[in-house]
C-alpha atoms as a PDB file:
ATOM      1  CA  SER A   1     -58.476 -41.458 -22.670  1.00  0.00           C
ATOM      2  CA  SER A   2     -57.080 -41.599 -19.295  1.00  0.00           C
ATOM      3  CA  SER A   3     -53.625 -42.236 -20.381  1.00  0.00           C
ATOM      4  CA  SER A   4     -53.674 -39.292 -22.887  1.00  0.00           C
ATOM      5  CA  ALA A   5     -54.904 -36.908 -20.026  1.00  0.00           C
ATOM      6  CA  ALA A   6     -52.221 -38.141 -17.642  1.00  0.00           C
ATOM      7  CA  SER A   7     -49.745 -37.663 -20.472  1.00  0.00           C
ATOM      8  CA  ASP A   8     -50.931 -34.005 -20.971  1.00  0.00           C
ATOM      9  CA  VAL A   9     -50.827 -33.322 -17.009  1.00  0.00           C
ATOM     10  CA  TYR A  10     -47.168 -34.577 -17.153  1.00  0.00           C
ATOM     11  CA  LYS A  11     -46.253 -32.395 -20.140  1.00  0.00           C
ATOM     12  CA  ARG A  12     -47.594 -29.280 -18.469  1.00  0.00           C
ATOM     13  CA  GLN A  13     -45.832 -30.121 -15.227  1.00  0.00           C
ATOM     14  CA  VAL A  14     -42.462 -30.532 -17.381  1.00  0.00           C
ATOM     15  CA  SER A  15     -43.040 -27.293 -19.056  1.00  0.00           C
ATOM     16  CA  THR A  16     -43.842 -25.520 -15.986  1.00  0.00           C
ATOM     17  CA  GLN A  17     -40.684 -26.884 -14.415  1.00  0.00           C
ATOM     18  CA  SER A  18     -38.638 -26.137 -17.365  1.00  0.00           C
ATOM     19  CA  THR A  19     -40.041 -22.541 -17.512  1.00  0.00           C
ATOM     20  CA  GLY A  20     -39.151 -22.049 -13.639  1.00  0.00           C
ATOM     21  CA  ILE A  21     -35.564 -23.491 -14.368  1.00  0.00           C
ATOM     22  CA  VAL A  22     -34.898 -21.171 -17.466  1.00  0.00           C
ATOM     23  CA  ALA A  23     -36.402 -17.911 -15.456  1.00  0.00           C
ATOM     24  CA  GLY A  24     -34.098 -18.824 -12.542  1.00  0.00           C
ATOM     25  CA  ILE A  25     -31.216 -19.089 -14.937  1.00  0.00           C
ATOM     26  CA  ILE A  26     -32.178 -15.754 -16.431  1.00  0.00           C
ATOM     27  CA  ASN A  27     -32.731 -14.119 -13.059  1.00  0.00           C
ATOM     28  CA  ASP A  28     -29.252 -15.250 -11.838  1.00  0.00           C
ATOM     29  CA  SER A  29     -27.548 -13.959 -14.891  1.00  0.00           C
ATOM     30  CA  ILE A  30     -29.303 -10.601 -14.607  1.00  0.00           C
ATOM     31  CA  GLU A  31     -28.171 -10.515 -10.796  1.00  0.00           C
ATOM     32  CA  GLU A  32     -24.691 -11.492 -11.812  1.00  0.00           C
ATOM     33  CA  TYR A  33     -24.443  -8.965 -14.392  1.00  0.00           C
ATOM     34  CA  GLU A  34     -25.726  -6.126 -12.118  1.00  0.00           C
ATOM     35  CA  THR A  35     -23.132  -7.304  -9.556  1.00  0.00           C
ATOM     36  CA  ARG A  36     -20.314  -6.870 -12.066  1.00  0.00           C
ATOM     37  CA  ARG A  37     -21.596  -3.602 -13.335  1.00  0.00           C
ATOM     38  CA  LYS A  38     -21.701  -2.203  -9.885  1.00  0.00           C
ATOM     39  CA  LEU A  39     -18.084  -3.104  -9.187  1.00  0.00           C
ATOM     40  CA  PHE A  40     -16.837  -1.734 -12.686  1.00  0.00           C
ATOM     41  CA  VAL A  41     -18.658   1.596 -12.038  1.00  0.00           C
ATOM     42  CA  LEU A  42     -17.012   1.559  -8.571  1.00  0.00           C
ATOM     43  CA  MET A  43     -13.616   0.739 -10.190  1.00  0.00           C
ATOM     44  CA  GLU A  44     -13.753   3.939 -12.454  1.00  0.00           C
ATOM     45  CA  LYS A  45     -13.887   6.112  -9.357  1.00  0.00           C
ATOM     46  CA  PHE A  46     -10.469   4.856  -8.352  1.00  0.00           C
ATOM     47  CA  CYS A  47      -7.287   6.876  -9.294  1.00  0.00           C
ATOM     48  CA  PRO A  48      -5.814   4.987 -10.914  1.00  0.00           C
ATOM     49  CA  PRO A  49      -8.698   2.501 -11.689  1.00  0.00           C
ATOM     50  CA  GLU A  50      -6.215  -0.438 -11.478  1.00  0.00           C
ATOM     51  CA  ASP A  51      -6.084   0.072  -7.762  1.00  0.00           C
ATOM     52  CA  PHE A  52      -9.510  -1.550  -7.607  1.00  0.00           C
ATOM     53  CA  SER A  53      -9.381  -3.864 -10.541  1.00  0.00           C
ATOM     54  CA  ILE A  54      -7.625  -6.553  -8.557  1.00  0.00           C
ATOM     55  CA  LEU A  55     -10.505  -6.764  -6.054  1.00  0.00           C
ATOM     56  CA  ILE A  56     -12.856  -7.703  -8.974  1.00  0.00           C
ATOM     57  CA  LYS A  57     -13.581 -11.500  -8.852  1.00  0.00           C
ATOM     58  CA  PRO A  58     -16.522 -13.609 -10.215  1.00  0.00           C
ATOM     59  CA  HIS A  59     -17.903 -14.526  -6.882  1.00  0.00           C
ATOM     60  CA  ARG A  60     -17.525 -10.883  -5.259  1.00  0.00           C
ATOM     61  CA  LYS A  61     -20.714  -8.894  -4.377  1.00  0.00           C
ATOM     62  CA  LEU A  62     -20.786  -5.181  -2.990  1.00  0.00           C
ATOM     63  CA  ILE A  63     -22.932  -5.155   0.178  1.00  0.00           C
ATOM     64  CA  LYS A  64     -22.428  -1.892   1.604  1.00  0.00           C
ATOM     65  CA  GLN A  65     -20.489   1.254   1.098  1.00  0.00           C
ATOM     66  CA  GLY A  66     -20.259   4.365   2.976  1.00  0.00           C
ATOM     67  CA  VAL A  67     -18.062   6.902   4.965  1.00  0.00           C
ATOM     68  CA  LEU A  68     -16.568   6.253   8.333  1.00  0.00           C
ATOM     69  CA  TYR A  69     -14.076   8.401  10.235  1.00  0.00           C
ATOM     70  CA  LYS A  70     -11.006   6.344  10.761  1.00  0.00           C
ATOM     71  CA  VAL A  71      -9.118   7.138  13.877  1.00  0.00           C
ATOM     72  CA  CYS A  72      -5.549   7.718  12.905  1.00  0.00           C
ATOM     73  CA  ARG A  73      -2.448   8.514  14.956  1.00  0.00           C
ATOM     74  CA  LYS A  74      -3.035  12.242  14.601  1.00  0.00           C
ATOM     75  CA  ARG A  75      -6.554  12.782  14.017  1.00  0.00           C
ATOM     76  CA  ARG A  76      -9.759  11.362  12.362  1.00  0.00           C
ATOM     77  CA  LEU A  77      -9.973  11.245   8.791  1.00  0.00           C
ATOM     78  CA  PRO A  78     -12.894  10.196   6.386  1.00  0.00           C
ATOM     79  CA  ARG A  79     -12.604   7.090   4.633  1.00  0.00           C
ATOM     80  CA  MET A  80     -14.908   5.484   2.126  1.00  0.00           C
ATOM     81  CA  PHE A  81     -15.496   1.906   3.216  1.00  0.00           C
ATOM     82  CA  PHE A  82     -16.677  -0.996   0.932  1.00  0.00           C
ATOM     83  CA  LEU A  83     -18.082  -4.287   2.374  1.00  0.00           C
ATOM     84  CA  LEU A  84     -17.899  -7.189  -0.057  1.00  0.00           C
ATOM     85  CA  ASN A  85     -18.851 -10.703   0.768  1.00  0.00           C
ATOM     86  CA  ASP A  86     -15.269 -11.753   1.490  1.00  0.00           C
ATOM     87  CA  ILE A  87     -13.348  -8.561   2.153  1.00  0.00           C
ATOM     88  CA  LEU A  88     -13.472  -5.254   3.633  1.00  0.00           C
ATOM     89  CA  VAL A  89     -11.913  -2.297   1.869  1.00  0.00           C
ATOM     90  CA  TYR A  90     -11.383   1.333   2.783  1.00  0.00           C
ATOM     91  CA  ALA A  91      -9.892   4.054   0.949  1.00  0.00           C
ATOM     92  CA  ASN A  92      -8.944   7.802   0.717  1.00  0.00           C
ATOM     93  CA  TYR A  93     -11.793   9.644  -0.006  1.00  0.00           C
ATOM     94  CA  THR A  94     -12.028  12.814  -2.216  1.00  0.00           C
ATOM     95  CA  PRO A  95     -15.576  14.378  -2.447  1.00  0.00           C
ATOM     96  CA  SER A  96     -16.068  16.384  -5.727  1.00  0.00           C
ATOM     97  CA  THR A  97     -19.261  17.947  -7.398  1.00  0.00           C
ATOM     98  CA  GLU A  98     -18.025  16.123 -10.831  1.00  0.00           C
ATOM     99  CA  GLY A  99     -17.971  12.734  -8.754  1.00  0.00           C
ATOM    100  CA  ASP A 100     -16.368  11.268  -5.734  1.00  0.00           C
ATOM    101  CA  LYS A 101     -12.564   9.908  -6.092  1.00  0.00           C
ATOM    102  CA  TYR A 102     -11.057   7.159  -4.298  1.00  0.00           C
ATOM    103  CA  SER A 103      -7.420   6.226  -3.947  1.00  0.00           C
ATOM    104  CA  SER A 104      -5.048   3.972  -1.931  1.00  0.00           C
ATOM    105  CA  PRO A 105      -7.436   1.118  -1.129  1.00  0.00           C
ATOM    106  CA  ARG A 106      -6.526  -1.182   1.720  1.00  0.00           C
ATOM    107  CA  VAL A 107      -7.957  -4.660   1.906  1.00  0.00           C
ATOM    108  CA  LEU A 108      -8.869  -6.578   5.004  1.00  0.00           C
ATOM    109  CA  PRO A 109      -9.903 -10.366   4.402  1.00  0.00           C
ATOM    110  CA  LEU A 110     -12.913 -10.995   6.184  1.00  0.00           C
ATOM    111  CA  ASP A 111     -11.831 -14.480   7.242  1.00  0.00           C
ATOM    112  CA  ASN A 112      -9.341 -12.962   9.559  1.00  0.00           C
ATOM    113  CA  LEU A 113     -11.330 -10.166  10.860  1.00  0.00           C
ATOM    114  CA  ASP A 114     -13.320  -9.355  13.784  1.00  0.00           C
ATOM    115  CA  ILE A 115     -15.410  -6.130  14.999  1.00  0.00           C
ATOM    116  CA  GLU A 116     -16.551  -4.779  18.403  1.00  0.00           C
ATOM    117  CA  ASP A 117     -19.145  -2.322  19.545  1.00  0.00           C
ATOM    118  CA  LEU A 118     -17.588   0.414  21.505  1.00  0.00           C
ATOM    119  CA  PRO A 119     -18.941   2.429  23.978  1.00  0.00           C
ATOM    120  CA  ASP A 120     -19.151   6.025  23.745  1.00  0.00           C
ATOM    121  CA  ASN A 121     -16.320   7.875  25.292  1.00  0.00           C
ATOM    122  CA  THR A 122     -16.983  11.623  25.576  1.00  0.00           C
ATOM    123  CA  THR A 123     -13.719  12.517  27.283  1.00  0.00           C
ATOM    124  CA  LYS A 124     -11.902  11.467  24.143  1.00  0.00           C
ATOM    125  CA  LYS A 125     -14.726  12.678  22.075  1.00  0.00           C
ATOM    126  CA  ILE A 126     -15.276   9.144  20.591  1.00  0.00           C
ATOM    127  CA  VAL A 127     -18.848   8.446  19.949  1.00  0.00           C
ATOM    128  CA  ASN A 128     -20.661   5.922  17.605  1.00  0.00           C
ATOM    129  CA  ALA A 129     -17.488   3.907  17.311  1.00  0.00           C
ATOM    130  CA  ILE A 130     -16.435   0.332  16.414  1.00  0.00           C
ATOM    131  CA  SER A 131     -13.277  -1.252  16.431  1.00  0.00           C
ATOM    132  CA  ILE A 132     -11.887  -3.280  13.446  1.00  0.00           C
ATOM    133  CA  TRP A 133      -9.411  -6.151  14.225  1.00  0.00           C
ATOM    134  CA  SER A 134      -7.421  -7.591  11.349  1.00  0.00           C
ATOM    135  CA  ASN A 135      -4.028  -9.129  10.745  1.00  0.00           C
ATOM    136  CA  VAL A 136      -3.543  -6.501   8.129  1.00  0.00           C
ATOM    137  CA  LYS A 137      -4.544  -3.354  10.033  1.00  0.00           C
ATOM    138  CA  SER A 138      -6.776  -2.626  13.090  1.00  0.00           C
ATOM    139  CA  PHE A 139      -8.166   0.610  14.020  1.00  0.00           C
ATOM    140  CA  VAL A 140     -11.187   2.558  15.438  1.00  0.00           C
ATOM    141  CA  ALA A 141     -13.660   4.155  13.221  1.00  0.00           C
ATOM    142  CA  THR A 142     -16.595   6.303  13.928  1.00  0.00           C
ATOM    143  CA  ALA A 143     -19.828   7.011  12.223  1.00  0.00           C
ATOM    144  CA  SER A 144     -21.616  10.209  11.893  1.00  0.00           C
ATOM    145  CA  VAL A 145     -24.712   8.870  13.735  1.00  0.00           C
ATOM    146  CA  GLN A 146     -25.523   5.959  15.959  1.00  0.00           C
ATOM    147  CA  GLU A 147     -27.990   4.413  13.233  1.00  0.00           C
ATOM    148  CA  THR A 148     -24.872   4.347  10.673  1.00  0.00           C
ATOM    149  CA  LYS A 149     -22.755   2.547  13.230  1.00  0.00           C
ATOM    150  CA  LEU A 150     -25.526  -0.151  14.095  1.00  0.00           C
ATOM    151  CA  ASP A 151     -26.196  -0.631  10.385  1.00  0.00           C
ATOM    152  CA  TRP A 152     -22.326  -1.323   9.696  1.00  0.00           C
ATOM    153  CA  LEU A 153     -22.253  -3.773  12.562  1.00  0.00           C
ATOM    154  CA  ARG A 154     -25.125  -5.665  11.424  1.00  0.00           C
ATOM    155  CA  GLU A 155     -23.866  -6.005   7.893  1.00  0.00           C
ATOM    156  CA  ILE A 156     -20.233  -6.912   8.738  1.00  0.00           C
ATOM    157  CA  GLY A 157     -21.694  -9.133  11.359  1.00  0.00           C
ATOM    158  CA  ASN A 158     -23.876 -10.999   8.703  1.00  0.00           C
ATOM    159  CA  ALA A 159     -21.082 -11.250   6.245  1.00  0.00           C
ATOM    160  CA  LEU A 160     -18.646 -12.738   8.814  1.00  0.00           C
ATOM    161  CA  GLN A 161     -21.472 -15.240   9.873  1.00  0.00           C
ATOM    162  CA  ALA A 162     -21.738 -16.454   6.108  1.00  0.00           C
ATOM    163  CA  LEU A 163     -18.218 -17.336   5.672  1.00  0.00           C
ATOM    164  CA  PRO A 164     -17.015 -20.878   6.405  1.00  0.00           C
ATOM    165  CA  PRO A 165     -14.762 -21.320   9.615  1.00  0.00           C
ATOM    166  CA  ASN A 166     -11.162 -20.439   9.174  1.00  0.00           C
ATOM    167  CA  ASN A 167      -9.047 -22.507  11.376  1.00  0.00           C
ATOM    168  CA  ASN A 168      -5.727 -20.812  10.360  1.00  0.00           C
ATOM    169  CA  ARG A 169      -6.329 -17.137  11.524  1.00  0.00           C
ATOM    170  CA  SER A 170      -3.182 -14.961  12.001  1.00  0.00           C
ATOM    171  CA  PRO A 171      -2.795 -12.687  15.109  1.00  0.00           C
ATOM    172  CA  TYR A 172      -4.474  -9.412  14.818  1.00  0.00           C
ATOM    173  CA  ALA A 173      -2.434  -6.333  14.265  1.00  0.00           C
ATOM    174  CA  PRO A 174      -2.784  -3.772  17.291  1.00  0.00           C
ATOM    175  CA  ILE A 175      -4.687  -0.782  17.479  1.00  0.00           C
ATOM    176  CA  TRP A 176      -2.410   2.272  17.813  1.00  0.00           C
ATOM    177  CA  THR A 177      -2.501   4.502  20.682  1.00  0.00           C
ATOM    178  CA  PRO A 178      -3.099   8.106  19.252  1.00  0.00           C
ATOM    179  CA  ASP A 179      -0.184  10.484  19.510  1.00  0.00           C
ATOM    180  CA  SER A 180      -2.475  12.905  21.610  1.00  0.00           C
ATOM    181  CA  GLU A 181      -2.703  10.257  24.488  1.00  0.00           C
ATOM    182  CA  ALA A 182       1.119   9.739  24.660  1.00  0.00           C
ATOM    183  CA  THR A 183       3.181  12.528  26.308  1.00  0.00           C
ATOM    184  CA  HIS A 184       5.864  10.071  27.583  1.00  0.00           C
ATOM    185  CA  CYS A 185       7.644   6.900  26.248  1.00  0.00           C
ATOM    186  CA  TYR A 186       5.627   3.838  27.545  1.00  0.00           C
ATOM    187  CA  LEU A 187       8.893   1.902  28.537  1.00  0.00           C
ATOM    188  CA  CYS A 188      11.468   4.502  29.827  1.00  0.00           C
ATOM    189  CA  LYS A 189       8.958   7.322  30.584  1.00  0.00           C
ATOM    190  CA  SER A 190      11.179   9.958  28.935  1.00  0.00           C
ATOM    191  CA  GLU A 191       9.090  13.115  27.964  1.00  0.00           C
ATOM    192  CA  PHE A 192       8.467  13.529  24.157  1.00  0.00           C
ATOM    193  CA  THR A 193       9.819  16.796  22.812  1.00  0.00           C
ATOM    194  CA  LEU A 194      10.434  18.311  19.233  1.00  0.00           C
ATOM    195  CA  LEU A 195      13.611  16.460  19.242  1.00  0.00           C
ATOM    196  CA  LYS A 196      12.549  13.287  21.120  1.00  0.00           C
ATOM    197  CA  ARG A 197      10.070  11.975  18.491  1.00  0.00           C
ATOM    198  CA  LYS A 198       7.194   9.223  18.996  1.00  0.00           C
ATOM    199  CA  HIS A 199       7.302   5.824  17.508  1.00  0.00           C
ATOM    200  CA  HIS A 200       4.776   3.245  17.593  1.00  0.00           C
ATOM    201  CA  CYS A 201       5.525  -0.391  18.256  1.00  0.00           C
ATOM    202  CA  ARG A 202       3.837  -2.588  15.347  1.00  0.00           C
ATOM    203  CA  LYS A 203       3.287  -5.348  17.825  1.00  0.00           C
ATOM    204  CA  CYS A 204       1.632  -3.704  20.699  1.00  0.00           C
ATOM    205  CA  GLY A 205       0.489  -0.389  19.313  1.00  0.00           C
ATOM    206  CA  LYS A 206       1.808   1.605  22.160  1.00  0.00           C
ATOM    207  CA  VAL A 207       3.917   4.860  21.740  1.00  0.00           C
ATOM    208  CA  PHE A 208       7.796   4.891  22.617  1.00  0.00           C
ATOM    209  CA  CYS A 209      10.927   6.942  22.110  1.00  0.00           C
ATOM    210  CA  GLY A 210      13.532   6.089  19.378  1.00  0.00           C
ATOM    211  CA  ASN A 211      16.089   4.469  21.992  1.00  0.00           C
ATOM    212  CA  CYS A 212      13.258   2.196  23.137  1.00  0.00           C
ATOM    213  CA  THR A 213      12.285   0.939  19.454  1.00  0.00           C
ATOM    214  CA  THR A 214      15.589   0.154  17.839  1.00  0.00           C
ATOM    215  CA  GLN A 215      14.525  -3.340  17.104  1.00  0.00           C
ATOM    216  CA  ARG A 216      12.858  -4.967  13.892  1.00  0.00           C
ATOM    217  CA  LYS A 217      11.248  -8.326  13.747  1.00  0.00           C
ATOM    218  CA  LEU A 218       8.851 -10.309  11.491  1.00  0.00           C
ATOM    219  CA  LEU A 219       5.287 -10.507  12.712  1.00  0.00           C
ATOM    220  CA  GLY A 220       3.158 -13.428  11.994  1.00  0.00           C
ATOM    221  CA  GLY A 221       0.608 -12.969   9.032  1.00  0.00           C
ATOM    222  CA  ARG A 222       1.851  -9.592   7.988  1.00  0.00           C
ATOM    223  CA  GLY A 223       4.305 -10.294   5.298  1.00  0.00           C
ATOM    224  CA  GLN A 224       8.010 -10.773   4.890  1.00  0.00           C
ATOM    225  CA  LYS A 225       9.028  -7.263   6.083  1.00  0.00           C
ATOM    226  CA  PRO A 226      10.379  -6.687   9.391  1.00  0.00           C
ATOM    227  CA  PHE A 227       8.531  -4.194  11.614  1.00  0.00           C
ATOM    228  CA  ARG A 228       9.743  -1.700  14.298  1.00  0.00           C
ATOM    229  CA  VAL A 229       8.804  -3.057  17.888  1.00  0.00           C
ATOM    230  CA  CYS A 230       9.529  -1.841  21.289  1.00  0.00           C
ATOM    231  CA  ASP A 231      12.426  -3.541  23.472  1.00  0.00           C
ATOM    232  CA  SER A 232       9.573  -5.313  25.579  1.00  0.00           C
ATOM    233  CA  CYS A 233       7.871  -7.002  22.290  1.00  0.00           C
ATOM    234  CA  PHE A 234      11.196  -7.912  20.537  1.00  0.00           C
ATOM    235  CA  PRO A 235      11.966 -10.864  22.551  1.00  0.00           C
ATOM    236  CA  VAL A 236       8.348 -12.164  22.713  1.00  0.00           C
END
C-alpha cells in the first residue's frame, strides 16, 4: 500500500540520518583523539615533560610548529614555535639525532597578541622578519626563507581572526633595542664601557645606563612584580 511504501521511505531516511550522525560522532572522536595524541607526543619532547603538560587542554589543537630565529638582545637564537588555536608558544630548541628536545616554554595568549610583516633591512641583516606583539613578551623573529615567513603570518592571522573579540586587552610589552645598536645611554647620552653597563627599560625597550634606570614599577598586564624602568617612563 501507499502508506506502507511511505513508511519504508521514512525509515530509510531516518536510518540514513542516524548513520550520518553516528559517522560524524566517530569522526569527531577520531579527530579529538588524534589532536590529544599529537600534544602528548609533543609533551614528551620537553625537558622536563611537565613544562608542556600545563598547556594541554581539551579544547586546544596544534595548528603549526617550526623553527624561527628570535632576535634577542645580543644575537639571534633558534626557537621552536608552536601555534595552537588560542596560544602561541616558543621554547629553547636542542636538535639531536635521537630526537629534538625543547625546554623553557613561553606562552603568549592569542587574545592579547598581534603580528606585523616587517620589510627587509639589509643594513641590519634582518630579512624575512615579523614582529610579534604581546603583553607577555614582544620581539622580532626571522624565518629562513620568505615562504616560511608568509606561512606563519597566514596561520597566525587565521587563528587570530577565529577568536572572539577581547575588549580587555593589556598594553603590549616593548620590543627591546638590540645591544649592538646602543653605544650610548638613550637618556643621559653617556657612553657604554666595560664598567658602565647597558640596561633595558621594561616599559619602552630602549637601552640606558644604570644611573638612568634606578626605578621600579608595576606594568599593566605583566604580573605583580615591579620591573626596571628608565627615569623617563617611571612617572608615566
